[in-house]
Amino acid sequence: MIDQLIQNNYLLIDDFIKPERAAHLYAKFKDDAGRYPSDFIQDEQCPKSRAIYDRRDFLGLLVEKTPFMTETLQEPMIPTYSYARIYANGEVLARHTDRPACECSVTIHLGSDGTPWPIGFTKPSGEQVEIELKPGQGVIYLGCISEHWREAFTGQHYGQVFLHYVRLNEENWDCYFDKNKK
């Protein structure tokens, strides 16, 4: 795994996807959430927001980006699952770490109403940092190690997709394709 990720628990990637692609994915995601609400869930972590596991376009992105993750992290990566959420006003993403299927994750900002909403990470030193993402930017982070969070959202809508991976040659390898399910 690359030193910068190990030293910080996160790695910012400009244009993880092109901003135009992020905008297209967000518009479709937001439209479908309004038109087909029964396809979406409201989870305990952010109960006011709409979310979905392994939506086809995001699952495609998960698989598409596997070689990029392998190259960037300099070791073989296996996809586990994708999860996307449209955050609503007032949501808080409480400080947490993730389950083993989220060993190496990417959070990608798709679009919003323009309200800034940084995501926080804890570095190995204990230092806390917050990063404001632009549409298409992603942050690779060590979800099982680094606490991450977001303070209360003051806007109306904010779209994010999470792509989760495990390292083939490490202890969480058997979480591939999220076979131990959520």
Protein backbone atom coordinates (compact mmCIF):
# COMPACT_ATOMS: atom_id res chain seq x y z
CA MET A 1 0.00 0.00 0.00
CA ILE A 2 1.36 3.43 -0.81
CA ASP A 3 3.06 5.48 1.89
CA GLN A 4 0.87 8.57 1.56
CA LEU A 5 -2.26 6.53 2.34
CA ILE A 6 -0.60 4.78 5.27
CA GLN A 7 0.73 8.06 6.69
CA ASN A 8 -2.62 9.89 6.45
CA ASN A 9 -5.34 7.18 6.33
CA TYR A 10 -6.68 8.98 3.25
CA LEU A 11 -5.62 9.99 -0.25
CA LEU A 12 -7.42 12.71 -2.24
CA ILE A 13 -7.88 11.92 -5.95
CA ASP A 14 -8.80 14.78 -8.28
CA ASP A 15 -11.12 13.69 -11.09
CA PHE A 16 -11.67 10.19 -9.74
CA ILE A 17 -14.44 10.50 -12.28
CA LYS A 18 -14.96 13.42 -14.64
CA PRO A 19 -17.18 16.18 -13.18
CA GLU A 20 -19.57 15.80 -16.13
CA ARG A 21 -19.97 12.11 -15.37
CA ALA A 22 -20.52 12.87 -11.69
CA ALA A 23 -23.25 15.38 -12.64
CA HIS A 24 -24.92 12.86 -14.96
CA LEU A 25 -24.84 10.08 -12.34
CA TYR A 26 -26.18 12.44 -9.70
CA ALA A 27 -29.04 13.74 -11.85
CA LYS A 28 -30.18 10.20 -12.66
CA PHE A 29 -29.71 9.03 -9.07
CA LYS A 30 -31.68 11.97 -7.67
CA ASP A 31 -34.42 11.60 -10.28
CA ASP A 32 -34.79 7.87 -9.61
CA ALA A 33 -34.90 8.44 -5.84
CA GLY A 34 -37.89 10.72 -6.40
CA ARG A 35 -39.62 8.53 -8.99
CA TYR A 36 -38.96 5.09 -7.46
CA PRO A 37 -38.69 5.62 -3.70
CA SER A 38 -39.40 1.96 -2.93
CA ASP A 39 -36.07 1.03 -4.59
CA PHE A 40 -34.22 3.00 -1.90
CA ILE A 41 -33.66 2.50 1.80
CA GLN A 42 -33.41 4.80 4.77
CA ASP A 43 -30.67 3.41 7.00
CA GLU A 44 -30.10 3.92 10.72
CA GLN A 45 -26.92 5.89 10.14
CA CYS A 46 -28.69 8.68 8.20
CA PRO A 47 -32.44 8.05 8.54
CA LYS A 48 -33.62 11.19 6.69
CA SER A 49 -31.63 10.30 3.58
CA ARG A 50 -32.23 7.91 0.69
CA ALA A 51 -29.64 5.22 0.02
CA ILE A 52 -29.09 2.18 -2.15
CA TYR A 53 -26.71 -0.79 -2.24
CA ASP A 54 -25.17 -1.89 -5.53
CA ARG A 55 -27.20 0.28 -7.88
CA ARG A 56 -26.31 -0.87 -11.39
CA ASP A 57 -24.45 2.27 -12.51
CA PHE A 58 -22.50 2.46 -9.25
CA LEU A 59 -21.76 -1.27 -9.30
CA GLY A 60 -20.37 -0.74 -12.80
CA LEU A 61 -18.19 2.08 -11.45
CA LEU A 62 -16.97 -0.19 -8.62
CA VAL A 63 -15.84 -2.83 -11.11
CA GLU A 64 -14.47 -0.29 -13.60
CA LYS A 65 -12.27 1.34 -10.93
CA THR A 66 -10.82 -1.92 -9.57
CA PRO A 67 -7.71 -1.76 -11.82
CA PHE A 68 -7.22 1.92 -10.87
CA MET A 69 -7.40 1.01 -7.17
CA THR A 70 -4.93 -1.85 -7.68
CA GLU A 71 -2.51 0.42 -9.51
CA THR A 72 -2.89 3.35 -7.12
CA LEU A 73 -2.57 1.28 -3.95
CA GLN A 74 0.16 -0.88 -5.48
CA GLU A 75 -1.43 -4.19 -4.51
CA PRO A 76 -4.27 -6.36 -5.80
CA MET A 77 -7.70 -5.10 -4.76
CA ILE A 78 -11.03 -6.95 -4.88
CA PRO A 79 -14.39 -5.11 -5.01
CA THR A 80 -16.89 -5.73 -2.23
CA TYR A 81 -19.87 -3.40 -2.80
CA SER A 82 -21.09 0.07 -3.68
CA TYR A 83 -23.38 2.21 -1.56
CA ALA A 84 -24.82 5.58 -2.52
CA ARG A 85 -26.74 8.13 -0.53
CA ILE A 86 -28.53 11.40 -1.15
CA TYR A 87 -28.15 13.22 2.13
CA ALA A 88 -30.98 15.41 3.38
CA ASN A 89 -30.94 18.60 5.43
CA GLY A 90 -29.80 18.12 9.02
CA GLU A 91 -28.11 14.76 8.53
CA VAL A 92 -25.02 13.99 10.58
CA LEU A 93 -22.64 11.19 9.75
CA ALA A 94 -21.50 10.21 13.24
CA ARG A 95 -17.84 9.39 13.80
CA HIS A 96 -17.31 5.77 12.99
CA THR A 97 -15.07 3.13 11.48
CA ASP A 98 -16.30 0.56 9.01
CA ARG A 99 -16.71 -3.19 8.85
CA PRO A 100 -14.06 -5.43 7.20
CA ALA A 101 -15.66 -5.26 3.71
CA CYS A 102 -14.70 -1.56 3.69
CA GLU A 103 -10.97 -2.03 4.21
CA CYS A 104 -10.09 0.41 1.39
CA SER A 105 -12.93 2.68 0.40
CA VAL A 106 -13.51 5.62 -1.90
CA THR A 107 -16.11 8.30 -1.32
CA ILE A 108 -16.95 10.29 -4.45
CA HIS A 109 -18.93 13.50 -4.48
CA LEU A 110 -21.53 13.41 -7.25
CA GLY A 111 -23.40 16.69 -6.83
CA SER A 112 -25.40 18.83 -4.44
CA ASP A 113 -27.32 22.05 -4.06
CA GLY A 114 -23.95 23.81 -3.74
CA THR A 115 -23.76 23.74 0.06
CA PRO A 116 -20.25 22.82 1.21
CA TRP A 117 -20.08 19.72 3.42
CA PRO A 118 -16.61 18.46 4.31
CA ILE A 119 -15.83 14.92 5.37
CA GLY A 120 -13.50 14.42 8.32
CA PHE A 121 -10.79 11.82 8.84
CA THR A 122 -8.50 10.94 11.73
CA LYS A 123 -4.86 10.47 10.78
CA PRO A 124 -2.68 7.83 12.51
CA SER A 125 -1.16 10.68 14.56
CA GLY A 126 -4.61 11.51 15.94
CA GLU A 127 -4.79 14.75 13.94
CA GLN A 128 -8.21 15.42 12.46
CA VAL A 129 -8.63 16.82 8.96
CA GLU A 130 -11.67 17.84 6.95
CA ILE A 131 -11.83 17.72 3.17
CA GLU A 132 -14.36 19.49 0.95
CA LEU A 133 -14.88 17.53 -2.25
CA LYS A 134 -15.80 18.90 -5.66
CA PRO A 135 -18.02 16.83 -7.94
CA GLY A 136 -15.96 13.98 -9.37
CA GLN A 137 -13.28 14.13 -6.68
CA GLY A 138 -12.80 11.08 -4.53
CA VAL A 139 -11.03 10.25 -1.32
CA ILE A 140 -9.53 6.81 -0.86
CA TYR A 141 -9.47 6.02 2.84
CA LEU A 142 -8.81 3.19 5.26
CA GLY A 143 -12.35 2.83 6.57
CA CYS A 144 -11.63 0.16 9.18
CA ILE A 145 -8.80 2.19 10.72
CA SER A 146 -9.63 5.88 10.29
CA GLU A 147 -12.60 7.40 12.05
CA HIS A 148 -14.56 9.43 9.52
CA TRP A 149 -17.58 11.71 9.88
CA ARG A 150 -19.56 14.70 8.69
CA GLU A 151 -21.10 17.42 10.84
CA ALA A 152 -24.76 18.47 10.37
CA PHE A 153 -25.61 19.17 6.74
CA THR A 154 -27.13 22.64 6.28
CA GLY A 155 -28.12 22.23 2.63
CA GLN A 156 -31.01 20.42 1.01
CA HIS A 157 -29.36 17.57 -0.92
CA TYR A 158 -25.88 16.11 -1.33
CA GLY A 159 -25.04 13.02 -3.38
CA GLN A 160 -22.21 10.67 -2.58
CA VAL A 161 -21.24 7.19 -3.75
CA PHE A 162 -18.98 4.86 -1.78
CA LEU A 163 -16.94 2.14 -3.49
CA HIS A 164 -15.57 -0.50 -1.17
CA TYR A 165 -12.64 -2.87 -1.69
CA VAL A 166 -10.45 -5.34 0.20
CA ARG A 167 -6.81 -6.30 -0.34
CA LEU A 168 -6.47 -9.70 -2.00
CA ASN A 169 -3.44 -10.74 0.03
CA GLU A 170 -4.61 -9.59 3.47
CA GLU A 171 -6.96 -10.84 6.17
CA ASN A 172 -10.20 -9.34 4.80
CA TRP A 173 -9.84 -10.94 1.36
CA ASP A 174 -12.83 -13.20 2.04
CA CYS A 175 -15.19 -10.20 2.07
CA TYR A 176 -14.98 -10.12 -1.75
CA PHE A 177 -18.29 -9.26 -3.41
CA ASP A 178 -19.61 -8.60 0.11
CA LYS A 179 -20.38 -12.27 0.57
CA ASN A 180 -20.74 -11.70 4.33
CA LYS A 181 -23.45 -9.13 3.48
CA LYS A 182 -23.93 -5.82 5.15
